[in-house]
Amino acid sequence: MISVETLHKSFGKLTVLDGLDLSIDEGGIFVILGPNGSGKTTLIKSILGMVVPDKGNIAIDGKPVLKEWQYRGNIDYLPQIANFPSNLTVAELLKLVKQLRDRPTRDQELIELFGLEPFLEKKLGHLSGGTKQKVNIVLTFMFNSDLIILDEPTSGLDPIALLHLKELILKEKEAGKTVLITTHIMSFVEEMADEIVFLLDGKIYFKGTVNELQQKTEQQDLEHAIAQILKTEHV
């Protein structure tokens, strides 16, 4: 599904991706982990074409995507921070995005799932952070794409909305979709991830299951496993 080869990216003197190699198979839930500055966001944005790497290659379904744009039409992306136009209503934003992509949608089903009916005519600038995140989720999942990229998707969600999000992600996995997630919530990772990718200093330190990482670090849970990695690598 996704192939990343010897990816390099620097911002000035700061090296963010240092010859990174990564292969992600089609279908399943993959979580990218790593401390701040490890390259997670740069990797995601490189896959999306929002950051142009200095060197290396990225392919999706065997087709190179660097300096291309058409492939993005089959990716659904949830950004960490949803900067919506504050003067638009929720309904106006949904209509605008549907017109821009011009593809079949399932927005009504998702609106009902996340209880957004009472907010459709409210301006986005007047919504709470949690409600904006629900709008963000609806915009992400309504187009039925094969690749779904979620950057900190649980941010601001109440317990019921979080439960619905988990159910939605699992349903997409069952439909054969590839879901790529970044998050700092370890309980979410342990519950949802088929495989994790741990970035450290711009490279892949570990790729495998949560259980495999726990065995490698001789720790009983993911949080302590990651703490052990950081402690060992930065002694």
Protein backbone atom coordinates (compact mmCIF):
# COMPACT_ATOMS: atom_id res chain seq x y z
CA MET A 1 0.00 0.00 0.00
CA ILE A 2 2.63 2.56 1.13
CA SER A 3 6.34 2.28 0.40
CA VAL A 4 8.83 4.86 1.70
CA GLU A 5 12.48 4.52 0.68
CA THR A 6 15.51 6.38 2.10
CA LEU A 7 13.48 9.51 2.87
CA HIS A 8 15.50 12.55 3.93
CA LYS A 9 14.16 15.90 5.08
CA SER A 10 15.90 18.77 6.82
CA PHE A 11 14.68 22.18 7.86
CA GLY A 12 17.78 24.35 7.89
CA LYS A 13 20.37 22.55 10.01
CA LEU A 14 17.74 20.34 11.68
CA THR A 15 17.52 16.83 10.21
CA VAL A 16 13.99 15.53 10.70
CA LEU A 17 13.96 12.41 8.50
CA ASP A 18 17.29 10.63 8.13
CA GLY A 19 17.11 7.95 5.44
CA LEU A 20 13.79 6.58 6.66
CA ASP A 21 12.49 3.31 5.15
CA LEU A 22 8.95 2.10 5.76
CA SER A 23 6.55 -0.38 4.19
CA ILE A 24 2.88 -0.56 5.17
CA ASP A 25 0.68 -3.32 3.75
CA GLU A 26 -2.86 -2.80 2.54
CA GLY A 27 -5.57 -3.24 5.15
CA GLY A 28 -5.24 -2.76 8.91
CA ILE A 29 -4.61 -0.15 11.57
CA PHE A 30 -1.06 1.20 11.81
CA VAL A 31 -0.01 3.66 14.50
CA ILE A 32 3.07 5.87 14.19
CA LEU A 33 4.64 6.68 17.56
CA GLY A 34 7.64 8.68 18.67
CA PRO A 35 8.70 11.56 20.90
CA ASN A 36 8.24 15.18 19.82
CA GLY A 37 10.63 15.98 16.99
CA SER A 38 10.99 12.35 15.89
CA GLY A 39 9.60 13.06 12.41
CA LYS A 40 6.03 11.74 12.70
CA THR A 41 4.29 14.81 11.29
CA THR A 42 6.91 15.32 8.58
CA LEU A 43 6.49 11.70 7.46
CA ILE A 44 2.70 12.02 7.32
CA LYS A 45 2.86 15.31 5.45
CA SER A 46 5.39 13.85 3.01
CA ILE A 47 2.98 11.01 2.22
CA LEU A 48 0.23 13.59 1.72
CA GLY A 49 2.39 15.77 -0.52
CA MET A 50 2.28 18.67 1.95
CA VAL A 51 6.05 18.44 2.54
CA VAL A 52 8.53 17.78 -0.27
CA PRO A 53 11.41 15.55 0.90
CA ASP A 54 15.01 16.41 0.06
CA LYS A 55 15.74 12.85 -1.09
CA GLY A 56 14.02 9.49 -1.32
CA ASN A 57 10.88 7.99 -2.80
CA ILE A 58 7.27 7.43 -1.76
CA ALA A 59 4.90 5.10 -3.60
CA ILE A 60 1.25 4.23 -2.95
CA ASP A 61 -0.09 1.08 -4.59
CA GLY A 62 3.19 0.83 -6.47
CA LYS A 63 2.91 4.28 -8.06
CA PRO A 64 5.40 7.07 -7.18
CA VAL A 65 3.59 10.06 -5.68
CA LEU A 66 6.27 12.72 -5.24
CA LYS A 67 5.32 15.87 -7.16
CA GLU A 68 1.99 14.24 -8.11
CA TRP A 69 -1.43 15.26 -6.81
CA GLN A 70 -4.13 13.00 -8.29
CA TYR A 71 -3.49 10.23 -5.76
CA ARG A 72 -4.68 12.47 -2.93
CA GLY A 73 -8.25 12.00 -4.16
CA ASN A 74 -8.20 8.52 -2.63
CA ILE A 75 -6.88 9.63 0.78
CA ASP A 76 -8.98 10.87 3.69
CA TYR A 77 -6.99 13.03 6.12
CA LEU A 78 -7.83 14.27 9.59
CA PRO A 79 -5.43 17.06 10.63
CA GLN A 80 -4.48 17.49 14.27
CA ILE A 81 -5.81 21.05 14.35
CA ALA A 82 -8.97 21.83 12.40
CA ASN A 83 -8.74 25.45 11.26
CA PHE A 84 -12.25 25.94 9.93
CA PRO A 85 -13.57 29.30 8.62
CA SER A 86 -15.26 30.68 11.75
CA ASN A 87 -18.01 32.50 9.81
CA LEU A 88 -19.34 29.35 8.10
CA THR A 89 -21.97 27.08 9.61
CA VAL A 90 -21.36 23.35 9.91
CA ALA A 91 -23.85 22.71 7.09
CA GLU A 92 -22.15 25.26 4.83
CA LEU A 93 -18.73 23.70 5.44
CA LEU A 94 -20.01 20.21 4.66
CA LYS A 95 -21.63 21.45 1.46
CA LEU A 96 -18.45 23.28 0.41
CA VAL A 97 -16.20 20.25 0.94
CA LYS A 98 -18.61 17.95 -0.91
CA GLN A 99 -18.60 20.34 -3.87
CA LEU A 100 -14.79 20.49 -3.87
CA ARG A 101 -14.33 16.72 -3.98
CA ASP A 102 -17.46 15.87 -5.99
CA ARG A 103 -17.72 12.26 -4.81
CA PRO A 104 -20.47 10.18 -3.18
CA THR A 105 -20.63 10.79 0.57
CA ARG A 106 -22.14 9.32 3.71
CA ASP A 107 -22.19 12.51 5.75
CA GLN A 108 -25.76 12.10 7.03
CA GLU A 109 -24.94 8.75 8.62
CA LEU A 110 -21.91 10.27 10.37
CA ILE A 111 -23.79 13.40 11.46
CA GLU A 112 -26.31 11.18 13.22
CA LEU A 113 -23.59 8.94 14.71
CA PHE A 114 -21.81 11.91 16.36
CA GLY A 115 -24.98 13.81 17.28
CA LEU A 116 -24.24 16.88 15.16
CA GLU A 117 -27.80 17.62 14.01
CA PRO A 118 -28.32 20.43 16.60
CA PHE A 119 -25.11 22.14 15.42
CA LEU A 120 -25.62 22.15 11.65
CA GLU A 121 -26.78 25.77 11.51
CA LYS A 122 -24.31 27.03 14.10
CA LYS A 123 -21.19 28.92 13.01
CA LEU A 124 -17.95 27.01 13.41
CA GLY A 125 -16.39 29.84 15.39
CA HIS A 126 -18.98 29.31 18.13
CA LEU A 127 -18.39 25.58 18.60
CA SER A 128 -16.43 23.90 21.39
CA GLY A 129 -13.18 22.11 20.60
CA GLY A 130 -14.80 18.70 21.01
CA THR A 131 -17.65 19.55 18.63
CA LYS A 132 -15.18 20.88 16.05
CA GLN A 133 -13.33 17.57 16.30
CA LYS A 134 -16.56 15.70 15.57
CA VAL A 135 -17.03 17.88 12.47
CA ASN A 136 -13.43 17.11 11.56
CA ILE A 137 -14.14 13.37 11.83
CA VAL A 138 -17.27 13.62 9.66
CA LEU A 139 -15.31 15.48 6.97
CA THR A 140 -12.60 12.81 7.09
CA PHE A 141 -14.69 9.65 6.91
CA MET A 142 -17.52 10.72 4.61
CA PHE A 143 -15.75 10.01 1.29
CA ASN A 144 -15.01 6.27 1.62
CA SER A 145 -11.36 6.34 0.52
CA ASP A 146 -8.94 3.38 0.62
CA LEU A 147 -6.30 5.18 2.75
CA ILE A 148 -7.25 7.09 5.90
CA ILE A 149 -4.67 9.18 7.77
CA LEU A 150 -5.60 10.41 11.26
CA ASP A 151 -3.38 12.85 13.18
CA GLU A 152 -4.29 12.79 16.91
CA PRO A 153 -7.93 11.81 16.20
CA THR A 154 -9.00 11.47 19.85
CA SER A 155 -8.27 15.11 20.74
CA GLY A 156 -11.12 16.72 22.67
CA LEU A 157 -13.57 13.85 22.28
CA ASP A 158 -15.97 12.85 25.06
CA PRO A 159 -16.17 9.13 26.00
CA ILE A 160 -19.20 8.41 23.80
CA ALA A 161 -17.70 10.12 20.75
CA LEU A 162 -14.42 8.27 21.36
CA LEU A 163 -16.30 4.97 21.41
CA HIS A 164 -18.01 5.85 18.11
CA LEU A 165 -14.64 6.78 16.59
CA LYS A 166 -13.13 3.43 17.58
CA GLU A 167 -16.12 1.59 16.11
CA LEU A 168 -15.79 3.61 12.91
CA ILE A 169 -12.07 2.86 12.56
CA LEU A 170 -12.64 -0.87 13.14
CA LYS A 171 -15.43 -0.88 10.55
CA GLU A 172 -13.07 0.70 8.02
CA LYS A 173 -10.47 -1.96 8.79
CA GLU A 174 -13.07 -4.70 8.24
CA ALA A 175 -13.83 -3.12 4.85
CA GLY A 176 -10.17 -3.61 3.87
CA LYS A 177 -9.09 0.01 4.35
CA THR A 178 -5.63 1.08 5.51
CA VAL A 179 -5.77 3.39 8.53
CA LEU A 180 -2.63 5.29 9.53
CA ILE A 181 -2.75 7.05 12.91
CA THR A 182 -0.52 9.25 15.04
CA THR A 183 -1.43 9.59 18.71
CA HIS A 184 0.04 10.04 22.19
CA ILE A 185 -2.75 8.04 23.89
CA MET A 186 -1.15 4.68 24.71
CA SER A 187 -4.39 2.99 25.79
CA PHE A 188 -5.87 3.84 22.38
CA VAL A 189 -2.82 2.31 20.66
CA GLU A 190 -2.95 -0.88 22.72
CA GLU A 191 -6.64 -1.33 21.95
CA MET A 192 -6.62 -0.42 18.25
CA ALA A 193 -3.25 -1.03 16.58
CA ASP A 194 -2.51 -4.06 14.44
CA GLU A 195 1.04 -2.79 14.11
CA ILE A 196 3.05 0.12 15.47
CA VAL A 197 5.92 2.06 13.95
CA PHE A 198 8.20 3.80 16.44
CA LEU A 199 10.25 6.72 15.10
CA LEU A 200 13.37 7.97 16.82
CA ASP A 201 15.70 10.65 15.48
CA GLY A 202 14.16 10.50 12.01
CA LYS A 203 14.51 6.73 11.56
CA ILE A 204 12.40 3.64 12.20
CA TYR A 205 13.49 2.22 15.54
CA PHE A 206 10.84 -0.51 15.70
CA LYS A 207 8.05 -1.91 13.51
CA GLY A 208 5.80 -4.69 14.75
CA THR A 209 2.98 -5.46 17.17
CA VAL A 210 2.53 -3.99 20.64
CA ASN A 211 3.26 -7.41 22.16
CA GLU A 212 6.49 -7.71 20.18
CA LEU A 213 7.68 -4.34 21.45
CA GLN A 214 6.83 -5.29 25.03
CA GLN A 215 8.81 -8.50 24.64
CA LYS A 216 11.76 -6.67 23.08
CA THR A 217 11.92 -4.17 25.95
CA GLU A 218 10.87 -6.72 28.64
CA GLN A 219 8.06 -4.44 29.78
CA GLN A 220 4.46 -5.31 30.67
CA ASP A 221 2.72 -2.42 28.92
CA LEU A 222 3.29 -0.09 25.99
CA GLU A 223 3.85 3.05 28.03
CA HIS A 224 6.71 1.48 29.97
CA ALA A 225 8.11 -0.13 26.81
CA ILE A 226 8.41 3.25 25.12
CA ALA A 227 9.85 4.83 28.25
CA GLN A 228 12.47 2.06 28.30
CA ILE A 229 13.43 2.80 24.67
CA LEU A 230 13.83 6.50 25.33
CA LYS A 231 15.81 5.88 28.50
CA THR A 232 18.14 3.39 26.76
CA GLU A 233 18.69 5.44 23.61
CA HIS A 234 19.33 8.73 25.37
CA VAL A 235 21.63 7.59 28.15
